[in-house]
Amino acid sequence: MPADSYDDIAVDKGDVIPGLEVPPQDLYHAKSFWTRWIFCQDAKIIGIQYSITAIAIGLVALVLSWLMRLQLGFPELVPFLGAAEYYQFVTMHGMIMVIYLLTALFLGGFGNYLIPLMVGARDMVFPYVNMVSYWVYLLAVLVLVASFFVPGGPTGAGWTLYPPQAITSGTPGGDGLGIILMLVSLSIFVVGFTMGGLNYVITILQARTRGMTLMRMPLTVWGIFTATVLALFAFPALIVSCIMMTLDNLLGTSFFMPALVEFGEQSEYSGGSPILFQHLFWFFGHPEVYIIALPAFGIISDLISVHARKNIFGYRMMVWAIVGIGALSFFVWAHHMYVSGMTPWFGYFFATTTLIIAVPTAIKVYNWVLTLWRGNIQLTLPMLFSLAFIVTFVNGGLTGIFLGNVTVDVPLSDTYFVVAHFHMVMGIAPILVVFGAIYHWFPLITGRMLHEGMGKIHFWITFLGSYAIYFPMHYQGFVGVPRRYFEIYDSPYIATSTLHLNVFITIAALIVGAAQLVFLFNLIYSARAGEKSEKNPWKANSLEWLTPEMPPGHGNFGKELPVVYRWAYDFNVPGADKDYIPQTVPPSEVRSAKVEKT
């Protein structure tokens, strides 16, 4: 019986799978280069476009980080790098990495490619809107890049863009087009994401194939779904604050700008509140942490389960932990503002909520470890990156507990300890997941395997090198080295040991950055001439590996949509003839197997 029909299908005695919630889609199939790559409505191609654009702008941010490290490790080595350029690079590096790379990669890249495949849909519910969302994102990236080429250069206000500093003339890019282009770019990004995000949510809720209940969805989908909902609630705070600051800059309003004296002259501003901007920014900014982290949590859960050949431990607990983290993320934002001068009682409240949100996060870590326990662990490249993620995330998370406590945070605030924590938990950990996911799904996307030798070189240099970069920064933070300083080598209160550490960190950063070129070469080489992959090389259960073609064609599943009978984690089931049971296998075919009821 065609799975696109509305007739119920009897699965087993007393068990019925209902019909589709929405009619089967009439898809527009590409017939030329223009309709395949420019006006493309295939979510998989759009996901690849998002990923390529995000990685391209991410490489710009990588080069900026190299230049910053060269200044700190070898002062005055780069002739064109002065104080103004340094702060501009700090700002652009942070904003690109957080927003334009990681957010776009997890939601735009993996979200577009995996959601329809994993839930058994033909495509996104609104393919045309999905296509427009990518082009709006690309426009946001181009506007951001344009700020490098305007008089005065990009903004140097720091990636948090705090007023009044952000739009005063003493700040690099503060009195020119630099800050305006940054604010406009962020606003455009939010518009583009909103179009894509509504697609993700509606597709997951309305376009799942028959039998794909919410509690049978892979955790990757749950992570992306929850992160998208967070973004739809959090991004309005960002766009509102961007618009208000733009008005402060162009029209002289005073939303965030207080009365101040600039270069001996009284400004026209009066009555604005810089603290209001901080509240708006971090109301977006801390959920943004989980907009990146939750898809990473979901992906890592699936990778660990597949490559350990074991069902995920505590699936429902993992789902509710994802949802719980998402809900609590809106009540912790002010732990970024302990030194801002806000009411101390706020500090007590947000310190408490910060400790509470650690509970569902710890549950996820425990469940990953228990999934690995007594599993048939296969040290494939995706599994290596998954294990590295768990270690790195735990390290970064533990230092977050330090900073979540008011009394500890105050002396550590604005030191390299914060830089180390932030990069471990928000930089290195999610990027390790990105690498693991690419190594895992590359055969699905291209039909070829990535080169394992180059992959292992890339893994070990990236993993060990990241620790060589950020572990010493914890020590630098404890001895009081401030972050965001252009030069610290002449400061009498800075220990000589920290200067040597800066040289060591810089060399490690250059090596780790160079290792990413090995990864890029591996991607390009393997896509063209890599070893051809068998279908479903990892022996996974989820629907994306069960398409008639690999790589999947437009429409994903041929003439008939799949019918789902079980969850995605039936590995090594006692009584089954194989060590995995795909989601499309009915109970009648595995009667002797003792599967977990879903």
Protein backbone atom coordinates (compact mmCIF):
# COMPACT_ATOMS: atom_id res chain seq x y z
CA MET A 1 0.00 0.00 0.00
CA PRO A 2 1.53 3.42 -0.88
CA ALA A 3 2.66 5.22 2.21
CA ASP A 4 1.40 8.51 0.82
CA SER A 5 -2.21 7.38 1.10
CA TYR A 6 -4.43 8.19 4.05
CA ASP A 7 -5.43 4.65 4.91
CA ASP A 8 -4.39 3.40 8.31
CA ILE A 9 -1.88 0.58 8.37
CA ALA A 10 -2.16 -2.17 10.91
CA VAL A 11 1.26 -2.72 12.39
CA ASP A 12 0.57 -5.48 14.83
CA LYS A 13 -2.38 -6.80 16.70
CA GLY A 14 -4.06 -3.81 18.28
CA ASP A 15 -1.45 -1.38 16.94
CA VAL A 16 -2.40 1.10 14.20
CA ILE A 17 -0.35 3.75 12.44
CA PRO A 18 -2.45 6.80 11.50
CA GLY A 19 -2.35 8.58 8.16
CA LEU A 20 -0.26 11.60 7.21
CA GLU A 21 -1.20 14.94 8.78
CA VAL A 22 -0.55 16.94 5.61
CA PRO A 23 -1.04 15.92 1.96
CA PRO A 24 1.96 14.69 0.00
CA GLN A 25 3.93 17.60 -1.45
CA ASP A 26 4.09 18.47 -5.13
CA LEU A 27 7.76 19.28 -5.52
CA TYR A 28 9.38 21.43 -8.19
CA HIS A 29 12.34 19.51 -9.58
CA ALA A 30 15.36 21.39 -10.82
CA LYS A 31 15.92 21.32 -14.58
CA SER A 32 18.99 23.57 -14.96
CA PHE A 33 21.92 25.09 -13.10
CA TRP A 34 19.77 28.07 -12.12
CA THR A 35 16.93 26.02 -10.66
CA ARG A 36 19.33 23.59 -8.96
CA TRP A 37 21.72 26.07 -7.30
CA ILE A 38 20.25 29.59 -7.48
CA PHE A 39 16.49 29.15 -7.18
CA CYS A 40 16.83 25.77 -5.50
CA GLN A 41 13.95 24.45 -3.40
CA ASP A 42 15.62 21.20 -2.30
CA ALA A 43 16.36 21.43 1.42
CA LYS A 44 19.46 19.25 1.03
CA ILE A 45 21.06 21.61 -1.52
CA ILE A 46 20.07 24.60 0.64
CA GLY A 47 21.72 22.89 3.64
CA ILE A 48 24.93 22.46 1.60
CA GLN A 49 24.78 26.13 0.55
CA TYR A 50 24.39 27.19 4.18
CA SER A 51 27.32 24.98 5.20
CA ILE A 52 29.69 26.18 2.47
CA THR A 53 28.90 29.84 3.19
CA ALA A 54 29.28 29.34 6.96
CA ILE A 55 32.62 27.53 6.59
CA ALA A 56 33.89 30.23 4.20
CA ILE A 57 33.13 33.07 6.61
CA GLY A 58 34.41 30.89 9.47
CA LEU A 59 37.81 30.70 7.74
CA VAL A 60 37.90 34.52 7.80
CA ALA A 61 37.33 34.38 11.56
CA LEU A 62 40.12 31.77 11.86
CA VAL A 63 42.60 34.07 10.11
CA LEU A 64 41.54 36.93 12.42
CA SER A 65 42.24 34.74 15.45
CA TRP A 66 45.71 33.98 14.06
CA LEU A 67 46.46 37.69 13.76
CA MET A 68 45.26 38.35 17.32
CA ARG A 69 47.42 35.54 18.70
CA LEU A 70 50.46 36.76 16.76
CA GLN A 71 50.10 40.17 18.39
CA LEU A 72 49.81 38.64 21.88
CA GLY A 73 52.64 36.13 21.41
CA PHE A 74 54.98 38.18 19.23
CA PRO A 75 54.11 41.87 19.70
CA GLU A 76 54.63 44.17 16.73
CA LEU A 77 55.44 41.23 14.43
CA VAL A 78 52.51 42.09 12.12
CA PRO A 79 53.22 45.61 10.79
CA PHE A 80 49.63 46.59 9.96
CA LEU A 81 48.19 45.40 13.27
CA GLY A 82 47.72 48.33 15.63
CA ALA A 83 45.42 48.68 18.64
CA ALA A 84 42.43 49.71 16.52
CA GLU A 85 42.82 46.76 14.14
CA TYR A 86 43.27 44.37 17.06
CA TYR A 87 39.96 45.35 18.63
CA GLN A 88 38.23 45.19 15.26
CA PHE A 89 39.54 41.66 14.75
CA VAL A 90 38.44 40.63 18.25
CA THR A 91 34.92 41.88 17.52
CA MET A 92 34.57 40.33 14.08
CA HIS A 93 36.10 37.01 15.14
CA GLY A 94 33.65 36.60 18.01
CA MET A 95 30.54 37.64 16.10
CA ILE A 96 31.36 35.53 13.03
CA MET A 97 32.12 32.40 15.02
CA VAL A 98 29.02 32.54 17.23
CA ILE A 99 26.36 33.79 14.82
CA TYR A 100 27.48 33.41 11.22
CA LEU A 101 29.37 30.11 11.57
CA LEU A 102 28.00 27.92 14.36
CA THR A 103 24.36 29.05 14.39
CA ALA A 104 24.14 28.93 10.60
CA LEU A 105 25.96 25.61 10.41
CA PHE A 106 23.90 23.74 13.02
CA LEU A 107 20.48 25.12 12.11
CA GLY A 108 20.86 26.16 8.48
CA GLY A 109 23.26 23.42 7.39
CA PHE A 110 22.46 20.30 9.43
CA GLY A 111 18.87 21.39 10.05
CA ASN A 112 18.03 21.72 6.36
CA TYR A 113 19.79 18.54 5.31
CA LEU A 114 18.70 16.23 8.10
CA ILE A 115 15.24 17.26 9.30
CA PRO A 116 13.19 16.14 6.25
CA LEU A 117 15.25 12.95 5.91
CA MET A 118 15.05 12.02 9.59
CA VAL A 119 11.32 12.63 9.99
CA GLY A 120 10.42 10.97 6.68
CA ALA A 121 9.28 14.09 4.79
CA ARG A 122 9.69 14.88 1.11
CA ASP A 123 11.10 18.34 1.84
CA MET A 124 10.50 21.34 4.06
CA VAL A 125 6.89 22.41 4.27
CA PHE A 126 7.64 25.77 2.58
CA PRO A 127 10.48 25.11 0.11
CA TYR A 128 10.34 28.55 -1.53
CA VAL A 129 10.58 30.36 1.81
CA ASN A 130 13.43 28.03 2.71
CA MET A 131 15.29 29.07 -0.42
CA VAL A 132 14.76 32.75 0.35
CA SER A 133 16.07 32.23 3.91
CA TYR A 134 19.46 31.15 2.54
CA TRP A 135 19.79 34.15 0.25
CA VAL A 136 18.88 36.49 3.10
CA TYR A 137 21.57 34.79 5.23
CA LEU A 138 24.09 35.25 2.42
CA LEU A 139 23.12 38.93 2.21
CA ALA A 140 23.75 39.27 5.96
CA VAL A 141 27.21 37.74 5.51
CA LEU A 142 28.03 40.06 2.58
CA VAL A 143 26.93 43.14 4.56
CA LEU A 144 29.16 42.00 7.42
CA VAL A 145 32.13 41.46 5.09
CA ALA A 146 31.49 44.89 3.51
CA SER A 147 32.30 46.50 6.88
CA PHE A 148 35.96 45.52 6.36
CA PHE A 149 36.13 47.80 3.34
CA VAL A 150 34.42 51.00 4.55
CA PRO A 151 36.32 54.05 5.89
CA GLY A 152 37.33 53.38 9.49
CA GLY A 153 36.86 49.62 9.07
CA PRO A 154 34.55 47.32 11.02
CA THR A 155 33.42 47.99 14.56
CA GLY A 156 35.88 47.34 17.37
CA ALA A 157 33.39 47.47 20.22
CA GLY A 158 33.80 43.81 21.17
CA TRP A 159 31.39 41.12 19.98
CA THR A 160 28.90 42.09 22.69
CA LEU A 161 28.58 45.61 21.16
CA TYR A 162 28.03 47.35 24.51
CA PRO A 163 26.97 50.99 24.35
CA PRO A 164 27.97 53.72 24.85
CA GLN A 165 31.36 52.47 23.66
CA ALA A 166 29.97 50.89 20.49
CA ILE A 167 28.82 54.15 18.89
CA THR A 168 31.23 56.73 20.25
CA SER A 169 33.92 58.23 18.09
CA GLY A 170 36.79 56.95 20.20
CA THR A 171 35.97 53.34 19.32
CA PRO A 172 37.31 51.88 16.05
CA GLY A 173 34.45 51.89 13.55
CA GLY A 174 32.20 53.58 16.13
CA ASP A 175 31.54 56.82 14.32
CA GLY A 176 31.48 55.46 10.77
CA LEU A 177 29.71 52.78 8.82
CA GLY A 178 31.39 49.90 10.68
CA ILE A 179 28.93 49.66 13.57
CA ILE A 180 25.95 50.43 11.31
CA LEU A 181 26.80 47.60 8.93
CA MET A 182 27.24 45.22 11.88
CA LEU A 183 23.81 46.11 13.29
CA VAL A 184 22.14 45.93 9.86
CA SER A 185 23.80 42.58 9.14
CA LEU A 186 22.55 41.12 12.42
CA SER A 187 19.03 42.37 11.72
CA ILE A 188 19.08 40.79 8.24
CA PHE A 189 20.38 37.54 9.76
CA VAL A 190 17.44 37.42 12.18
CA VAL A 191 14.96 37.94 9.34
CA GLY A 192 16.54 35.13 7.31
CA PHE A 193 16.66 32.78 10.25
CA THR A 194 13.01 33.42 11.13
CA MET A 195 11.97 32.17 7.69
CA GLY A 196 14.12 29.09 8.01
CA GLY A 197 13.21 28.46 11.64
CA LEU A 198 9.46 28.47 11.01
CA ASN A 199 10.11 25.88 8.30
CA TYR A 200 11.99 23.61 10.70
CA VAL A 201 9.32 23.79 13.41
CA ILE A 202 6.34 23.25 11.10
CA THR A 203 8.05 20.44 9.19
CA ILE A 204 8.83 18.58 12.42
CA LEU A 205 5.35 19.08 13.86
CA GLN A 206 3.26 18.55 10.72
CA ALA A 207 5.18 16.66 8.02
CA ARG A 208 6.45 13.57 9.85
CA THR A 209 5.80 10.31 8.08
CA ARG A 210 3.37 7.76 9.47
CA GLY A 211 4.54 6.10 12.64
CA MET A 212 7.11 8.82 13.36
CA THR A 213 5.78 9.93 16.71
CA LEU A 214 7.59 12.65 18.63
CA MET A 215 9.08 10.01 20.89
CA ARG A 216 10.47 8.09 17.95
CA MET A 217 12.36 11.01 16.47
CA PRO A 218 16.16 10.86 16.61
CA LEU A 219 17.67 13.12 19.24
CA THR A 220 19.33 15.17 16.49
CA VAL A 221 15.88 16.33 15.43
CA TRP A 222 14.89 17.05 19.02
CA GLY A 223 18.02 19.16 19.53
CA ILE A 224 17.50 21.19 16.34
CA PHE A 225 13.77 21.58 17.05
CA THR A 226 14.27 22.90 20.58
CA ALA A 227 17.11 25.19 19.50
CA THR A 228 14.92 26.63 16.74
CA VAL A 229 12.11 27.36 19.19
CA LEU A 230 14.64 29.09 21.47
CA ALA A 231 15.90 31.17 18.56
CA LEU A 232 12.41 32.22 17.53
CA PHE A 233 11.88 33.60 21.07
CA ALA A 234 15.40 34.97 21.65
CA PHE A 235 16.27 36.59 18.32
CA PRO A 236 13.56 39.30 18.61
CA ALA A 237 15.50 40.73 21.57
CA LEU A 238 18.59 40.93 19.34
CA ILE A 239 16.89 42.60 16.38
CA VAL A 240 15.10 45.07 18.66
CA SER A 241 18.35 46.05 20.38
CA CYS A 242 20.09 46.39 16.97
CA ILE A 243 17.34 48.67 15.65
CA MET A 244 17.34 50.79 18.83
CA MET A 245 21.12 51.22 18.77
CA THR A 246 21.00 52.11 15.07
CA LEU A 247 18.47 54.84 15.90
CA ASP A 248 20.72 56.06 18.73
CA ASN A 249 23.56 56.32 16.24
CA LEU A 250 21.77 57.83 13.23
CA LEU A 251 18.94 59.87 14.75
CA GLY A 252 20.37 60.78 18.14
CA THR A 253 17.73 58.96 20.19
CA SER A 254 18.71 57.86 23.69
CA PHE A 255 17.49 54.31 24.19
CA PHE A 256 20.88 53.14 25.45
CA MET A 257 23.00 56.29 25.46
CA PRO A 258 23.23 58.24 28.73
CA ALA A 259 24.37 61.83 29.06
CA LEU A 260 28.13 61.78 28.56
CA VAL A 261 31.13 63.96 27.77
CA GLU A 262 33.09 62.94 24.68
CA PHE A 263 36.48 64.55 24.04
CA GLY A 264 35.57 67.42 26.42
CA GLU A 265 32.22 68.14 24.80
CA GLN A 266 28.76 67.36 26.15
CA SER A 267 26.96 64.96 23.86
CA GLU A 268 23.36 65.35 22.76
CA TYR A 269 22.39 62.09 24.43
CA SER A 270 20.52 61.96 27.71
CA GLY A 271 18.55 59.50 29.77
CA GLY A 272 19.46 56.25 28.02
CA SER A 273 20.37 53.04 29.84
CA PRO A 274 23.42 51.00 28.76
CA ILE A 275 22.32 48.31 31.21
CA LEU A 276 19.07 47.92 29.25
CA PHE A 277 21.10 46.94 26.19
CA GLN A 278 23.03 44.39 28.24
CA HIS A 279 19.78 42.83 29.44
CA LEU A 280 18.38 42.68 25.90
CA PHE A 281 21.63 41.36 24.47
CA TRP A 282 22.09 38.61 27.04
CA PHE A 283 18.40 37.69 26.95
CA PHE A 284 19.33 36.67 23.42
CA GLY A 285 22.96 35.85 24.18
CA HIS A 286 22.57 33.07 26.70
CA PRO A 287 19.83 31.19 24.83
CA GLU A 288 22.22 31.60 21.87
CA VAL A 289 24.64 29.35 23.78
CA TYR A 290 21.99 26.62 23.77
CA ILE A 291 20.89 27.39 20.20
CA ILE A 292 24.35 26.07 19.36
CA ALA A 293 24.67 23.49 22.15
CA LEU A 294 21.32 21.67 21.83
CA PRO A 295 21.80 20.57 18.19
CA ALA A 296 25.31 19.49 19.23
CA PHE A 297 23.82 17.45 22.12
CA GLY A 298 21.36 15.75 19.78
CA ILE A 299 23.95 14.96 17.11
CA ILE A 300 26.43 13.60 19.63
CA SER A 301 23.75 11.34 21.14
CA ASP A 302 23.08 9.79 17.73
CA LEU A 303 26.77 9.43 16.90
CA ILE A 304 27.56 7.73 20.21
CA SER A 305 24.64 5.32 19.88
CA VAL A 306 25.52 4.33 16.29
CA HIS A 307 29.26 3.94 16.81
CA ALA A 308 28.97 2.21 20.19
CA ARG A 309 26.31 -0.16 18.73
CA LYS A 310 24.09 0.41 21.74
CA ASN A 311 20.72 2.01 22.33
CA ILE A 312 20.85 5.48 23.82
CA PHE A 313 20.50 5.30 27.59
CA GLY A 314 17.38 7.01 28.91
CA TYR A 315 15.92 8.32 25.65
CA ARG A 316 12.91 10.04 27.22
CA MET A 317 15.12 11.52 29.92
CA MET A 318 17.38 12.89 27.17
CA VAL A 319 14.40 14.46 25.39
CA TRP A 320 13.13 16.11 28.53
CA ALA A 321 16.65 17.26 29.43
CA ILE A 322 16.88 19.01 26.03
CA VAL A 323 13.48 20.65 26.58
CA GLY A 324 14.34 21.55 30.18
CA ILE A 325 17.66 23.14 29.22
CA GLY A 326 15.84 25.14 26.55
CA ALA A 327 13.24 26.42 29.00
CA LEU A 328 15.75 27.27 31.75
CA SER A 329 18.09 29.05 29.31
CA PHE A 330 15.79 32.10 29.40
CA PHE A 331 16.29 32.55 33.14
CA VAL A 332 20.08 32.67 33.46
CA TRP A 333 21.11 35.56 31.22
CA ALA A 334 22.24 38.01 33.89
CA HIS A 335 25.09 35.77 35.10
CA HIS A 336 26.98 37.61 32.33
CA MET A 337 26.31 40.87 34.17
CA TYR A 338 27.52 40.34 37.75
CA VAL A 339 29.97 43.25 37.41
CA SER A 340 27.57 45.55 35.52
CA GLY A 341 26.19 47.29 38.61
CA MET A 342 22.75 45.67 38.60
CA THR A 343 20.91 44.96 41.86
CA PRO A 344 22.82 42.35 43.92
CA TRP A 345 19.61 40.40 44.54
CA PHE A 346 19.55 39.73 40.80
CA GLY A 347 22.95 38.14 41.19
CA TYR A 348 21.64 35.71 43.83
CA PHE A 349 18.69 34.75 41.63
CA PHE A 350 20.73 34.19 38.48
CA ALA A 351 23.47 32.32 40.31
CA THR A 352 20.79 29.91 41.56
CA THR A 353 19.22 29.40 38.13
CA THR A 354 22.69 28.87 36.65
CA LEU A 355 23.32 26.03 39.07
CA ILE A 356 19.87 24.57 38.35
CA ILE A 357 20.46 24.48 34.58
CA ALA A 358 23.58 22.43 35.26
CA VAL A 359 21.34 19.54 36.41
CA PRO A 360 19.72 18.58 33.06
CA THR A 361 23.07 19.23 31.38
CA ALA A 362 24.76 16.79 33.76
CA ILE A 363 21.98 14.26 33.10
CA LYS A 364 22.92 14.31 29.41
CA VAL A 365 26.59 13.69 30.21
CA TYR A 366 25.70 10.79 32.54
CA ASN A 367 23.48 9.28 29.85
CA TRP A 368 26.24 9.53 27.22
CA VAL A 369 28.66 7.78 29.55
CA LEU A 370 26.09 5.08 30.37
CA THR A 371 25.41 4.61 26.67
CA LEU A 372 29.12 3.97 26.17
CA TRP A 373 29.22 1.62 29.17
CA ARG A 374 29.59 -1.98 27.94
CA GLY A 375 28.90 -0.85 24.39
CA ASN A 376 30.70 -2.28 21.38
CA ILE A 377 32.68 0.95 20.91
CA GLN A 378 34.15 1.35 17.44
CA LEU A 379 36.84 4.03 17.31
CA THR A 380 35.75 5.47 14.00
CA LEU A 381 36.43 9.13 13.30
CA PRO A 382 32.88 10.20 14.30
CA MET A 383 33.30 8.33 17.60
CA LEU A 384 36.71 9.88 18.27
CA PHE A 385 35.25 13.35 17.83
CA SER A 386 32.27 12.37 20.01
CA LEU A 387 34.50 11.20 22.87
CA ALA A 388 36.61 14.35 22.52
CA PHE A 389 33.44 16.43 22.72
CA ILE A 390 32.32 14.81 25.99
CA VAL A 391 35.71 15.43 27.63
CA THR A 392 35.93 19.01 26.36
CA PHE A 393 32.33 19.87 27.22
CA VAL A 394 32.72 18.55 30.78
CA ASN A 395 35.90 20.58 31.24
CA GLY A 396 34.28 23.72 29.89
CA GLY A 397 31.12 23.11 31.90
CA LEU A 398 32.97 22.72 35.20
CA THR A 399 34.68 26.10 34.76
CA GLY A 400 31.23 27.51 34.01
CA ILE A 401 30.15 26.51 37.52
CA PHE A 402 33.01 28.71 38.83
CA LEU A 403 31.81 31.69 36.81
CA GLY A 404 28.16 31.10 37.68
CA ASN A 405 28.93 31.90 41.34
CA VAL A 406 28.91 35.64 42.02
CA THR A 407 31.75 35.70 44.53
CA VAL A 408 34.08 33.72 42.25
CA ASP A 409 33.03 35.48 39.06
CA VAL A 410 33.78 39.01 40.25
CA PRO A 411 37.59 38.57 40.48
CA LEU A 412 37.68 36.29 37.40
CA SER A 413 35.46 38.49 35.22
CA ASP A 414 37.21 39.95 32.16
CA THR A 415 40.26 37.73 32.62
CA TYR A 416 41.56 34.95 30.39
CA PHE A 417 39.71 32.45 32.58
CA VAL A 418 36.48 33.63 30.90
CA VAL A 419 38.12 33.29 27.47
CA ALA A 420 39.19 29.74 28.30
CA HIS A 421 35.76 28.72 29.62
CA PHE A 422 33.89 30.28 26.73
CA HIS A 423 36.07 28.75 24.05
CA MET A 424 36.08 25.27 25.59
CA VAL A 425 32.32 25.04 26.01
CA MET A 426 31.14 27.27 23.15
CA GLY A 427 33.98 27.09 20.64
CA ILE A 428 35.92 23.85 20.67
CA ALA A 429 33.16 21.53 21.92
CA PRO A 430 30.55 22.42 19.23
CA ILE A 431 33.20 22.46 16.49
CA LEU A 432 34.26 18.93 17.50
CA VAL A 433 30.61 17.93 17.02
CA VAL A 434 30.58 19.62 13.60
CA PHE A 435 33.62 17.61 12.55
CA GLY A 436 32.17 14.35 13.92
CA ALA A 437 28.86 15.01 12.12
CA ILE A 438 30.59 15.77 8.81
CA TYR A 439 32.68 12.57 9.02
CA HIS A 440 29.49 10.66 9.88
CA TRP A 441 27.13 12.02 7.21
CA PHE A 442 29.67 12.74 4.46
CA PRO A 443 28.95 9.33 2.81
CA LEU A 444 25.24 10.20 2.74
CA ILE A 445 25.88 13.62 1.18
CA THR A 446 28.47 12.59 -1.42
CA GLY A 447 28.35 8.80 -1.69
CA ARG A 448 32.04 8.70 -0.74
CA MET A 449 34.08 8.21 2.43
CA LEU A 450 36.45 10.78 3.84
CA HIS A 451 40.10 9.71 3.92
CA GLU A 452 40.70 8.10 7.33
CA GLY A 453 44.45 8.86 7.54
CA MET A 454 43.97 12.58 6.98
CA GLY A 455 40.99 12.43 9.33
CA LYS A 456 43.06 11.03 12.21
CA ILE A 457 45.81 13.61 11.68
CA HIS A 458 43.11 16.29 11.75
CA PHE A 459 41.52 14.85 14.90
CA TRP A 460 44.61 14.48 17.06
CA ILE A 461 46.09 17.88 16.19
CA THR A 462 42.72 19.60 16.73
CA PHE A 463 41.90 17.83 20.01
CA LEU A 464 45.30 17.98 21.70
CA GLY A 465 46.09 21.39 20.21
CA SER A 466 42.87 22.89 21.59
CA TYR A 467 43.93 21.88 25.09
CA ALA A 468 47.38 23.33 24.48
CA ILE A 469 45.68 26.63 23.61
CA TYR A 470 43.03 26.94 26.30
CA PHE A 471 44.31 25.10 29.39
CA PRO A 472 47.10 27.64 29.98
CA MET A 473 44.52 30.43 29.73
CA HIS A 474 42.89 29.17 32.93
CA TYR A 475 46.16 29.80 34.75
CA GLN A 476 46.48 33.21 33.10
CA GLY A 477 43.02 34.07 34.37
CA PHE A 478 43.84 33.03 37.94
CA VAL A 479 46.91 35.27 38.01
CA GLY A 480 44.84 38.19 36.75
CA VAL A 481 45.76 38.60 33.07
CA PRO A 482 42.95 40.72 31.56
CA ARG A 483 41.34 39.80 28.27
CA ARG A 484 40.93 42.14 25.28
CA TYR A 485 44.21 43.92 25.92
CA PHE A 486 46.21 44.82 22.84
CA GLU A 487 49.53 44.55 24.67
CA ILE A 488 50.42 43.33 28.13
CA TYR A 489 54.15 42.81 27.83
CA ASP A 490 55.07 46.09 29.55
CA SER A 491 52.72 45.68 32.50
CA PRO A 492 54.68 45.30 35.77
CA TYR A 493 51.88 43.40 37.51
CA ILE A 494 51.82 40.63 34.87
CA ALA A 495 54.02 37.64 35.69
CA THR A 496 56.78 36.78 33.21
CA SER A 497 55.40 33.24 32.99
CA THR A 498 52.30 34.52 31.25
CA LEU A 499 54.40 36.09 28.50
CA HIS A 500 56.05 32.74 27.79
CA LEU A 501 52.64 31.11 27.85
CA ASN A 502 51.39 33.57 25.23
CA VAL A 503 54.17 32.47 22.90
CA PHE A 504 53.29 28.80 23.52
CA ILE A 505 49.55 29.43 23.00
CA THR A 506 50.19 31.33 19.77
CA ILE A 507 52.31 28.53 18.29
CA ALA A 508 49.64 25.97 19.26
CA ALA A 509 46.91 28.13 17.68
CA LEU A 510 48.84 28.39 14.41
CA ILE A 511 49.32 24.60 14.31
CA VAL A 512 45.65 23.85 15.08
CA GLY A 513 44.53 26.36 12.45
CA ALA A 514 46.82 24.75 9.88
CA ALA A 515 45.29 21.34 10.68
CA GLN A 516 41.93 22.66 9.50
CA LEU A 517 43.47 23.06 6.04
CA VAL A 518 44.08 19.30 6.09
CA PHE A 519 40.38 18.84 6.82
CA LEU A 520 39.34 21.16 3.98
CA PHE A 521 41.65 19.36 1.56
CA ASN A 522 40.16 16.05 2.72
CA LEU A 523 36.64 17.36 2.05
CA ILE A 524 37.42 18.55 -1.48
CA TYR A 525 39.58 15.55 -2.41
CA SER A 526 37.21 12.91 -1.01
CA ALA A 527 34.13 14.49 -2.60
CA ARG A 528 35.79 14.07 -5.99
CA ALA A 529 38.03 11.01 -5.68
CA GLY A 530 37.35 9.42 -2.29
CA GLU A 531 36.57 5.76 -1.73
CA LYS A 532 32.98 5.01 -2.77
CA SER A 533 30.77 4.27 0.19
CA GLU A 534 28.42 1.36 0.55
CA LYS A 535 24.85 2.20 1.39
CA ASN A 536 24.45 2.86 5.12
CA PRO A 537 28.15 2.30 5.90
CA TRP A 538 27.71 2.80 9.67
CA LYS A 539 24.74 0.38 9.87
CA ALA A 540 22.47 3.04 11.40
CA ASN A 541 18.72 2.76 11.98
CA SER A 542 17.43 6.25 11.26
CA LEU A 543 15.54 7.11 8.09
CA GLU A 544 18.18 9.26 6.35
CA TRP A 545 20.19 6.10 5.59
CA LEU A 546 17.17 4.20 4.24
CA THR A 547 16.52 6.26 1.09
CA PRO A 548 16.36 4.43 -2.27
CA GLU A 549 19.37 6.41 -3.53
CA MET A 550 22.57 7.57 -1.87
CA PRO A 551 22.99 10.52 -2.04
CA PRO A 552 19.20 10.99 -1.74
CA GLY A 553 17.42 12.56 -4.71
CA HIS A 554 14.93 15.41 -4.54
CA GLY A 555 11.89 14.09 -2.69
CA ASN A 556 14.14 11.87 -0.57
CA PHE A 557 12.15 8.64 -0.56
CA GLY A 558 11.08 7.80 -4.12
CA LYS A 559 7.46 6.97 -4.84
CA GLU A 560 6.46 5.92 -1.35
CA LEU A 561 7.23 7.49 2.00
CA PRO A 562 8.59 5.12 4.64
CA VAL A 563 6.45 3.84 7.48
CA VAL A 564 8.06 3.92 10.93
CA TYR A 565 7.51 1.14 13.46
CA ARG A 566 10.12 1.82 16.14
CA TRP A 567 12.65 4.30 17.51
CA ALA A 568 16.09 4.87 15.95
CA TYR A 569 18.16 3.08 18.61
CA ASP A 570 17.52 -0.65 18.27
CA PHE A 571 21.16 -1.81 18.37
CA ASN A 572 22.35 -5.23 19.53
CA VAL A 573 18.82 -6.32 20.45
CA PRO A 574 18.77 -9.82 22.00
CA GLY A 575 17.18 -12.31 19.61
CA ALA A 576 17.65 -10.19 16.46
CA ASP A 577 19.65 -11.65 13.58
CA LYS A 578 21.59 -8.38 13.01
CA ASP A 579 23.09 -5.86 15.42
CA TYR A 580 20.73 -3.15 14.17
CA ILE A 581 17.02 -2.90 13.31
CA PRO A 582 16.06 0.04 11.04
CA GLN A 583 13.03 2.14 11.92
CA THR A 584 11.10 0.77 8.93
CA VAL A 585 11.23 -2.88 10.01
CA PRO A 586 7.80 -4.01 11.32
CA PRO A 587 7.47 -6.07 14.53
CA SER A 588 6.33 -9.11 12.55
CA GLU A 589 9.82 -9.40 11.03
CA VAL A 590 11.63 -9.43 14.37
CA ARG A 591 9.24 -11.35 16.62
CA SER A 592 12.06 -13.10 18.46
CA ALA A 593 13.84 -9.86 19.23
CA LYS A 594 13.31 -8.26 22.64
CA VAL A 595 13.00 -4.63 21.56
CA GLU A 596 12.24 -1.70 23.79
CA LYS A 597 8.66 -0.47 23.36
CA THR A 598 8.39 3.04 21.90
